[in-house]
């Protein structure tokens, strides 16, 4: 009898741990959506209208309260001009690097030096 109770407790904690991991993943996704939307100077309402979804769906996604359906993820990535890999994992893919490189190519030598110094400072602050 004690063993059965112990197994149930273990199962409960495993389920709770899985739920917490899922919550962390959803919050990370939400933070990336919100950050990119704000970078594009877009409101939740504007993004929702462009995607033909409710503002509440955008809000819940950004808060990490609800997962995004695959068909909405495709629309979201198109509107935010990022890959699904970036939204889901936070890792930039080749198109993101190309977009940044295209912007950098328009800068002068002196401006590039300043950008590099800013990047170095950001990397140092991040401890990487």
N, C-alpha and C. Protein backbone atom coordinates (compact mmCIF):
# COMPACT_ATOMS: atom_id res chain seq x y z
N UNK A 1 0.83 -1.19 0.00
CA UNK A 1 0.00 0.00 0.00
C UNK A 1 0.87 1.25 0.00
N UNK A 2 1.91 1.27 0.77
CA UNK A 2 2.80 2.43 0.84
C UNK A 2 3.48 2.67 -0.50
N UNK A 3 3.86 1.61 -1.16
CA UNK A 3 4.51 1.73 -2.46
C UNK A 3 3.59 2.40 -3.47
N UNK A 4 2.32 2.04 -3.48
CA UNK A 4 1.36 2.64 -4.41
C UNK A 4 1.23 4.13 -4.14
N UNK A 5 1.17 4.52 -2.90
CA UNK A 5 1.08 5.95 -2.56
C UNK A 5 2.35 6.66 -3.02
N UNK A 6 3.49 6.04 -2.81
CA UNK A 6 4.75 6.65 -3.24
C UNK A 6 4.79 6.82 -4.75
N UNK A 7 4.32 5.84 -5.49
CA UNK A 7 4.29 5.94 -6.95
C UNK A 7 3.38 7.08 -7.37
N UNK A 8 2.24 7.20 -6.74
CA UNK A 8 1.32 8.27 -7.09
C UNK A 8 1.94 9.63 -6.79
N UNK A 9 2.65 9.75 -5.68
CA UNK A 9 3.31 11.02 -5.38
C UNK A 9 4.37 11.31 -6.43
N UNK A 10 5.14 10.30 -6.79
CA UNK A 10 6.16 10.48 -7.81
C UNK A 10 5.52 10.89 -9.13
N UNK A 11 4.45 10.21 -9.51
CA UNK A 11 3.74 10.56 -10.74
C UNK A 11 3.25 12.00 -10.69
N UNK A 12 2.73 12.40 -9.52
CA UNK A 12 2.24 13.77 -9.38
C UNK A 12 3.37 14.77 -9.60
N UNK A 13 4.52 14.53 -8.99
CA UNK A 13 5.64 15.45 -9.12
C UNK A 13 6.19 15.46 -10.55
N UNK A 14 6.21 14.31 -11.20
CA UNK A 14 6.66 14.27 -12.59
C UNK A 14 5.72 15.07 -13.48
N UNK A 15 4.42 14.92 -13.27
CA UNK A 15 3.45 15.68 -14.05
C UNK A 15 3.59 17.18 -13.77
N UNK A 16 3.80 17.53 -12.52
CA UNK A 16 3.98 18.94 -12.15
C UNK A 16 5.24 19.51 -12.80
N UNK A 17 6.31 18.73 -12.82
CA UNK A 17 7.55 19.17 -13.44
C UNK A 17 7.36 19.37 -14.95
N UNK A 18 6.65 18.45 -15.60
CA UNK A 18 6.38 18.59 -17.03
C UNK A 18 5.55 19.85 -17.29
N UNK A 19 4.57 20.11 -16.43
CA UNK A 19 3.72 21.29 -16.60
C UNK A 19 4.55 22.55 -16.46
N UNK A 20 5.46 22.57 -15.48
CA UNK A 20 6.31 23.74 -15.28
C UNK A 20 7.23 23.95 -16.48
N UNK A 21 7.77 22.87 -17.03
CA UNK A 21 8.62 22.99 -18.21
C UNK A 21 7.83 23.56 -19.38
N UNK A 22 6.61 23.07 -19.57
CA UNK A 22 5.75 23.56 -20.65
C UNK A 22 5.45 25.04 -20.44
N UNK A 23 5.16 25.44 -19.20
CA UNK A 23 4.90 26.84 -18.90
C UNK A 23 6.10 27.71 -19.24
N UNK A 24 7.30 27.24 -18.91
CA UNK A 24 8.52 28.00 -19.22
C UNK A 24 8.70 28.15 -20.72
N UNK A 25 8.43 27.09 -21.46
CA UNK A 25 8.55 27.14 -22.92
C UNK A 25 7.56 28.15 -23.49
N UNK A 26 6.31 28.08 -23.03
CA UNK A 26 5.28 29.00 -23.53
C UNK A 26 5.62 30.45 -23.18
N UNK A 27 6.16 30.67 -22.00
CA UNK A 27 6.54 32.04 -21.62
C UNK A 27 7.68 32.55 -22.49
N UNK A 28 8.64 31.70 -22.79
CA UNK A 28 9.74 32.09 -23.67
C UNK A 28 9.24 32.44 -25.06
N UNK A 29 8.33 31.63 -25.58
CA UNK A 29 7.73 31.91 -26.89
C UNK A 29 7.01 33.25 -26.84
N UNK A 30 6.23 33.46 -25.79
CA UNK A 30 5.49 34.71 -25.65
C UNK A 30 6.40 35.92 -25.58
N UNK A 31 7.50 35.80 -24.87
CA UNK A 31 8.44 36.92 -24.77
C UNK A 31 9.05 37.25 -26.13
N UNK A 32 9.37 36.22 -26.91
CA UNK A 32 9.95 36.47 -28.23
C UNK A 32 8.93 37.11 -29.17
N UNK A 33 7.68 36.67 -29.09
CA UNK A 33 6.62 37.27 -29.92
C UNK A 33 6.47 38.74 -29.56
N UNK A 34 6.35 39.01 -28.28
CA UNK A 34 6.15 40.39 -27.81
C UNK A 34 7.32 41.28 -28.21
N UNK A 35 8.53 40.79 -27.98
CA UNK A 35 9.73 41.58 -28.30
C UNK A 35 9.78 41.93 -29.78
N UNK A 36 9.54 40.95 -30.64
CA UNK A 36 9.61 41.19 -32.08
C UNK A 36 8.48 42.11 -32.54
N UNK A 37 7.30 41.93 -32.00
CA UNK A 37 6.17 42.79 -32.36
C UNK A 37 6.49 44.24 -32.02
N UNK A 38 7.06 44.45 -30.84
CA UNK A 38 7.41 45.81 -30.43
C UNK A 38 8.55 46.37 -31.27
N UNK A 39 9.50 45.53 -31.67
CA UNK A 39 10.57 45.98 -32.56
C UNK A 39 10.00 46.52 -33.87
N UNK A 40 8.93 45.91 -34.32
CA UNK A 40 8.28 46.34 -35.56
C UNK A 40 7.28 47.48 -35.32
N UNK A 41 7.22 47.94 -34.07
CA UNK A 41 6.31 49.02 -33.67
C UNK A 41 4.86 48.70 -34.05
N UNK A 42 4.46 47.49 -33.70
CA UNK A 42 3.14 46.99 -34.03
C UNK A 42 2.38 46.73 -32.73
N UNK A 43 1.11 47.07 -32.69
CA UNK A 43 0.30 46.78 -31.51
C UNK A 43 -0.23 45.35 -31.62
N UNK A 44 -0.72 44.83 -30.50
CA UNK A 44 -1.35 43.51 -30.53
C UNK A 44 -2.54 43.52 -31.48
N UNK A 45 -3.28 44.62 -31.47
CA UNK A 45 -4.46 44.74 -32.33
C UNK A 45 -4.08 44.68 -33.81
N UNK A 46 -3.00 45.39 -34.16
CA UNK A 46 -2.54 45.39 -35.56
C UNK A 46 -2.08 44.00 -35.98
N UNK A 47 -1.32 43.35 -35.12
CA UNK A 47 -0.84 42.00 -35.44
C UNK A 47 -2.02 41.05 -35.60
N UNK A 48 -2.97 41.13 -34.68
CA UNK A 48 -4.15 40.25 -34.75
C UNK A 48 -4.92 40.47 -36.05
N UNK A 49 -5.09 41.73 -36.44
CA UNK A 49 -5.82 42.04 -37.67
C UNK A 49 -5.09 41.48 -38.89
N UNK A 50 -3.77 41.62 -38.92
CA UNK A 50 -2.99 41.11 -40.05
C UNK A 50 -3.05 39.60 -40.15
N UNK A 51 -3.15 38.94 -38.98
CA UNK A 51 -3.20 37.48 -38.96
C UNK A 51 -4.61 36.94 -39.05
N UNK A 52 -5.61 37.82 -38.95
CA UNK A 52 -7.02 37.43 -38.94
C UNK A 52 -7.32 36.50 -37.75
N UNK A 53 -6.84 36.94 -36.57
CA UNK A 53 -7.12 36.24 -35.32
C UNK A 53 -7.56 37.28 -34.29
N UNK A 54 -7.97 36.83 -33.13
CA UNK A 54 -8.41 37.78 -32.10
C UNK A 54 -7.20 38.39 -31.37
N UNK A 55 -7.43 39.59 -30.87
CA UNK A 55 -6.40 40.24 -30.05
C UNK A 55 -6.12 39.40 -28.81
N UNK A 56 -7.16 38.76 -28.30
CA UNK A 56 -7.01 37.91 -27.11
C UNK A 56 -6.03 36.76 -27.39
N UNK A 57 -6.08 36.20 -28.59
CA UNK A 57 -5.16 35.11 -28.93
C UNK A 57 -3.72 35.61 -28.87
N UNK A 58 -3.48 36.81 -29.41
CA UNK A 58 -2.13 37.39 -29.37
C UNK A 58 -1.72 37.64 -27.92
N UNK A 59 -2.62 38.21 -27.15
CA UNK A 59 -2.34 38.51 -25.75
C UNK A 59 -2.01 37.24 -24.97
N UNK A 60 -2.83 36.21 -25.12
CA UNK A 60 -2.59 34.94 -24.41
C UNK A 60 -1.26 34.32 -24.84
N UNK A 61 -0.95 34.39 -26.13
CA UNK A 61 0.32 33.83 -26.62
C UNK A 61 1.49 34.58 -26.00
N UNK A 62 1.41 35.92 -25.97
CA UNK A 62 2.51 36.71 -25.41
C UNK A 62 2.67 36.50 -23.91
N UNK A 63 1.60 36.19 -23.23
CA UNK A 63 1.67 35.94 -21.79
C UNK A 63 2.09 34.50 -21.48
N UNK A 64 2.15 33.66 -22.50
CA UNK A 64 2.49 32.26 -22.29
C UNK A 64 1.34 31.46 -21.71
N UNK A 65 0.13 31.97 -21.88
CA UNK A 65 -1.05 31.30 -21.32
C UNK A 65 -1.61 30.23 -22.25
N UNK A 66 -1.39 30.39 -23.55
CA UNK A 66 -1.92 29.42 -24.51
C UNK A 66 -0.88 29.14 -25.59
N UNK A 67 -0.88 27.92 -26.06
CA UNK A 67 0.01 27.54 -27.16
C UNK A 67 -0.58 28.06 -28.48
N UNK A 68 0.27 28.25 -29.45
CA UNK A 68 -0.15 28.75 -30.75
C UNK A 68 -0.38 27.56 -31.68
N UNK A 69 -1.49 27.58 -32.39
CA UNK A 69 -1.79 26.52 -33.35
C UNK A 69 -0.82 26.65 -34.53
N UNK A 70 -0.47 25.53 -35.15
CA UNK A 70 0.50 25.57 -36.25
C UNK A 70 0.13 26.54 -37.37
N UNK A 71 -1.14 26.59 -37.75
CA UNK A 71 -1.52 27.50 -38.84
C UNK A 71 -1.34 28.96 -38.43
N UNK A 72 -1.52 29.26 -37.14
CA UNK A 72 -1.31 30.62 -36.66
C UNK A 72 0.18 30.94 -36.50
N UNK A 73 0.97 29.92 -36.18
CA UNK A 73 2.42 30.11 -36.09
C UNK A 73 2.98 30.52 -37.45
N UNK A 74 2.49 29.91 -38.50
CA UNK A 74 2.94 30.25 -39.85
C UNK A 74 2.61 31.71 -40.16
N UNK A 75 1.39 32.12 -39.87
CA UNK A 75 0.98 33.52 -40.10
C UNK A 75 1.81 34.47 -39.25
N UNK A 76 2.01 34.10 -37.99
CA UNK A 76 2.76 34.93 -37.06
C UNK A 76 4.18 35.18 -37.56
N UNK A 77 4.83 34.11 -37.97
CA UNK A 77 6.21 34.23 -38.46
C UNK A 77 6.29 35.12 -39.69
N UNK A 78 5.30 35.00 -40.57
CA UNK A 78 5.29 35.84 -41.77
C UNK A 78 5.13 37.30 -41.39
N UNK A 79 4.22 37.61 -40.48
CA UNK A 79 3.98 38.99 -40.08
C UNK A 79 5.14 39.59 -39.29
N UNK A 80 5.79 38.76 -38.47
CA UNK A 80 6.90 39.25 -37.66
C UNK A 80 8.25 39.14 -38.38
N UNK A 81 8.22 38.54 -39.57
CA UNK A 81 9.43 38.40 -40.39
C UNK A 81 10.54 37.64 -39.67
N UNK A 82 10.16 36.54 -39.03
CA UNK A 82 11.12 35.67 -38.34
C UNK A 82 10.79 34.23 -38.66
N UNK A 83 11.72 33.34 -38.35
CA UNK A 83 11.48 31.92 -38.57
C UNK A 83 10.73 31.32 -37.39
N UNK A 84 10.08 30.19 -37.64
CA UNK A 84 9.43 29.46 -36.56
C UNK A 84 10.47 28.98 -35.56
N UNK A 85 11.65 28.66 -36.04
CA UNK A 85 12.73 28.23 -35.15
C UNK A 85 13.04 29.32 -34.12
N UNK A 86 13.07 30.56 -34.57
CA UNK A 86 13.34 31.66 -33.63
C UNK A 86 12.20 31.78 -32.61
N UNK A 87 10.96 31.76 -33.06
CA UNK A 87 9.82 31.89 -32.14
C UNK A 87 9.82 30.74 -31.13
N UNK A 88 10.05 29.53 -31.60
CA UNK A 88 9.95 28.35 -30.73
C UNK A 88 11.16 28.15 -29.83
N UNK A 89 12.35 28.47 -30.32
CA UNK A 89 13.56 28.15 -29.55
C UNK A 89 14.40 29.36 -29.17
N UNK A 90 14.20 30.47 -29.87
CA UNK A 90 15.02 31.65 -29.60
C UNK A 90 16.30 31.68 -30.41
N UNK A 91 16.55 30.64 -31.21
CA UNK A 91 17.76 30.61 -32.03
C UNK A 91 17.49 31.29 -33.37
N UNK A 92 18.37 32.20 -33.72
CA UNK A 92 18.24 32.88 -35.01
C UNK A 92 18.71 31.94 -36.11
N UNK A 93 18.06 32.00 -37.23
CA UNK A 93 18.46 31.19 -38.37
C UNK A 93 19.05 32.09 -39.44
N UNK A 94 19.49 31.50 -40.49
CA UNK A 94 20.18 32.23 -41.55
C UNK A 94 19.44 33.49 -42.01
N UNK A 95 18.13 33.47 -42.26
CA UNK A 95 17.47 34.70 -42.72
C UNK A 95 17.60 35.87 -41.74
N UNK A 96 17.57 35.59 -40.44
CA UNK A 96 17.73 36.66 -39.46
C UNK A 96 19.12 37.28 -39.58
N UNK A 97 20.12 36.43 -39.74
CA UNK A 97 21.49 36.94 -39.89
C UNK A 97 21.62 37.72 -41.19
N UNK A 98 20.99 37.24 -42.24
CA UNK A 98 21.06 37.94 -43.52
C UNK A 98 20.39 39.32 -43.43
N UNK A 99 19.28 39.40 -42.72
CA UNK A 99 18.58 40.68 -42.56
C UNK A 99 19.48 41.68 -41.84
N UNK A 100 20.15 41.22 -40.80
CA UNK A 100 21.06 42.09 -40.05
C UNK A 100 22.25 42.48 -40.92
N UNK A 101 22.79 41.52 -41.64
CA UNK A 101 23.94 41.80 -42.51
C UNK A 101 23.57 42.82 -43.59
N UNK A 102 22.36 42.73 -44.11
CA UNK A 102 21.92 43.69 -45.13
C UNK A 102 21.88 45.11 -44.56
N UNK A 103 21.42 45.23 -43.33
CA UNK A 103 21.38 46.55 -42.70
C UNK A 103 22.79 47.07 -42.44
N UNK A 104 23.66 46.18 -41.98
CA UNK A 104 25.04 46.58 -41.69
C UNK A 104 25.78 47.01 -42.95
N UNK A 105 25.44 46.42 -44.07
CA UNK A 105 26.14 46.74 -45.32
C UNK A 105 25.91 48.18 -45.77
N UNK A 106 24.89 48.82 -45.23
CA UNK A 106 24.60 50.22 -45.60
C UNK A 106 25.36 51.22 -44.74
N UNK A 107 26.11 50.74 -43.75
CA UNK A 107 26.81 51.63 -42.83
C UNK A 107 28.22 51.94 -43.31
N UNK A 108 28.73 53.07 -42.85
CA UNK A 108 30.11 53.45 -43.16
C UNK A 108 31.07 52.65 -42.28
N UNK A 109 32.35 52.74 -42.59
CA UNK A 109 33.38 52.04 -41.80
C UNK A 109 33.31 52.47 -40.33
N UNK A 110 33.20 53.77 -40.09
CA UNK A 110 33.13 54.29 -38.72
C UNK A 110 31.89 53.81 -37.98
N UNK A 111 30.77 53.79 -38.69
CA UNK A 111 29.52 53.32 -38.07
C UNK A 111 29.60 51.84 -37.74
N UNK A 112 30.24 51.06 -38.61
CA UNK A 112 30.42 49.63 -38.34
C UNK A 112 31.27 49.41 -37.09
N UNK A 113 32.29 50.23 -36.92
CA UNK A 113 33.14 50.14 -35.72
C UNK A 113 32.31 50.40 -34.47
N UNK A 114 31.45 51.40 -34.53
CA UNK A 114 30.59 51.72 -33.39
C UNK A 114 29.63 50.57 -33.09
N UNK A 115 29.04 49.99 -34.13
CA UNK A 115 28.13 48.86 -33.95
C UNK A 115 28.87 47.69 -33.31
N UNK A 116 30.08 47.42 -33.77
CA UNK A 116 30.87 46.32 -33.21
C UNK A 116 31.15 46.56 -31.73
N UNK A 117 31.45 47.79 -31.35
CA UNK A 117 31.69 48.12 -29.94
C UNK A 117 30.43 47.90 -29.11
N UNK A 118 29.30 48.27 -29.66
CA UNK A 118 28.02 48.06 -28.96
C UNK A 118 27.76 46.57 -28.79
N UNK A 119 28.00 45.80 -29.84
CA UNK A 119 27.81 44.35 -29.75
C UNK A 119 28.74 43.75 -28.71
N UNK A 120 30.01 44.17 -28.71
CA UNK A 120 30.97 43.67 -27.72
C UNK A 120 30.48 43.97 -26.30
N UNK A 121 29.94 45.17 -26.09
CA UNK A 121 29.44 45.54 -24.76
C UNK A 121 28.24 44.68 -24.38
N UNK A 122 27.35 44.43 -25.32
CA UNK A 122 26.18 43.59 -25.05
C UNK A 122 26.58 42.16 -24.71
N UNK A 123 27.53 41.62 -25.45
CA UNK A 123 28.02 40.26 -25.19
C UNK A 123 28.68 40.20 -23.82
N UNK A 124 29.46 41.21 -23.47
CA UNK A 124 30.11 41.25 -22.15
C UNK A 124 29.06 41.31 -21.04
N UNK A 125 28.04 42.12 -21.23
CA UNK A 125 26.97 42.22 -20.22
C UNK A 125 26.23 40.90 -20.06
N UNK A 126 26.06 40.19 -21.17
CA UNK A 126 25.36 38.90 -21.13
C UNK A 126 26.25 37.80 -20.56
N UNK A 127 27.55 38.09 -20.42
CA UNK A 127 28.47 37.10 -19.86
C UNK A 127 28.76 35.96 -20.81
N UNK A 128 28.77 36.23 -22.09
CA UNK A 128 28.99 35.16 -23.08
C UNK A 128 30.26 35.40 -23.85
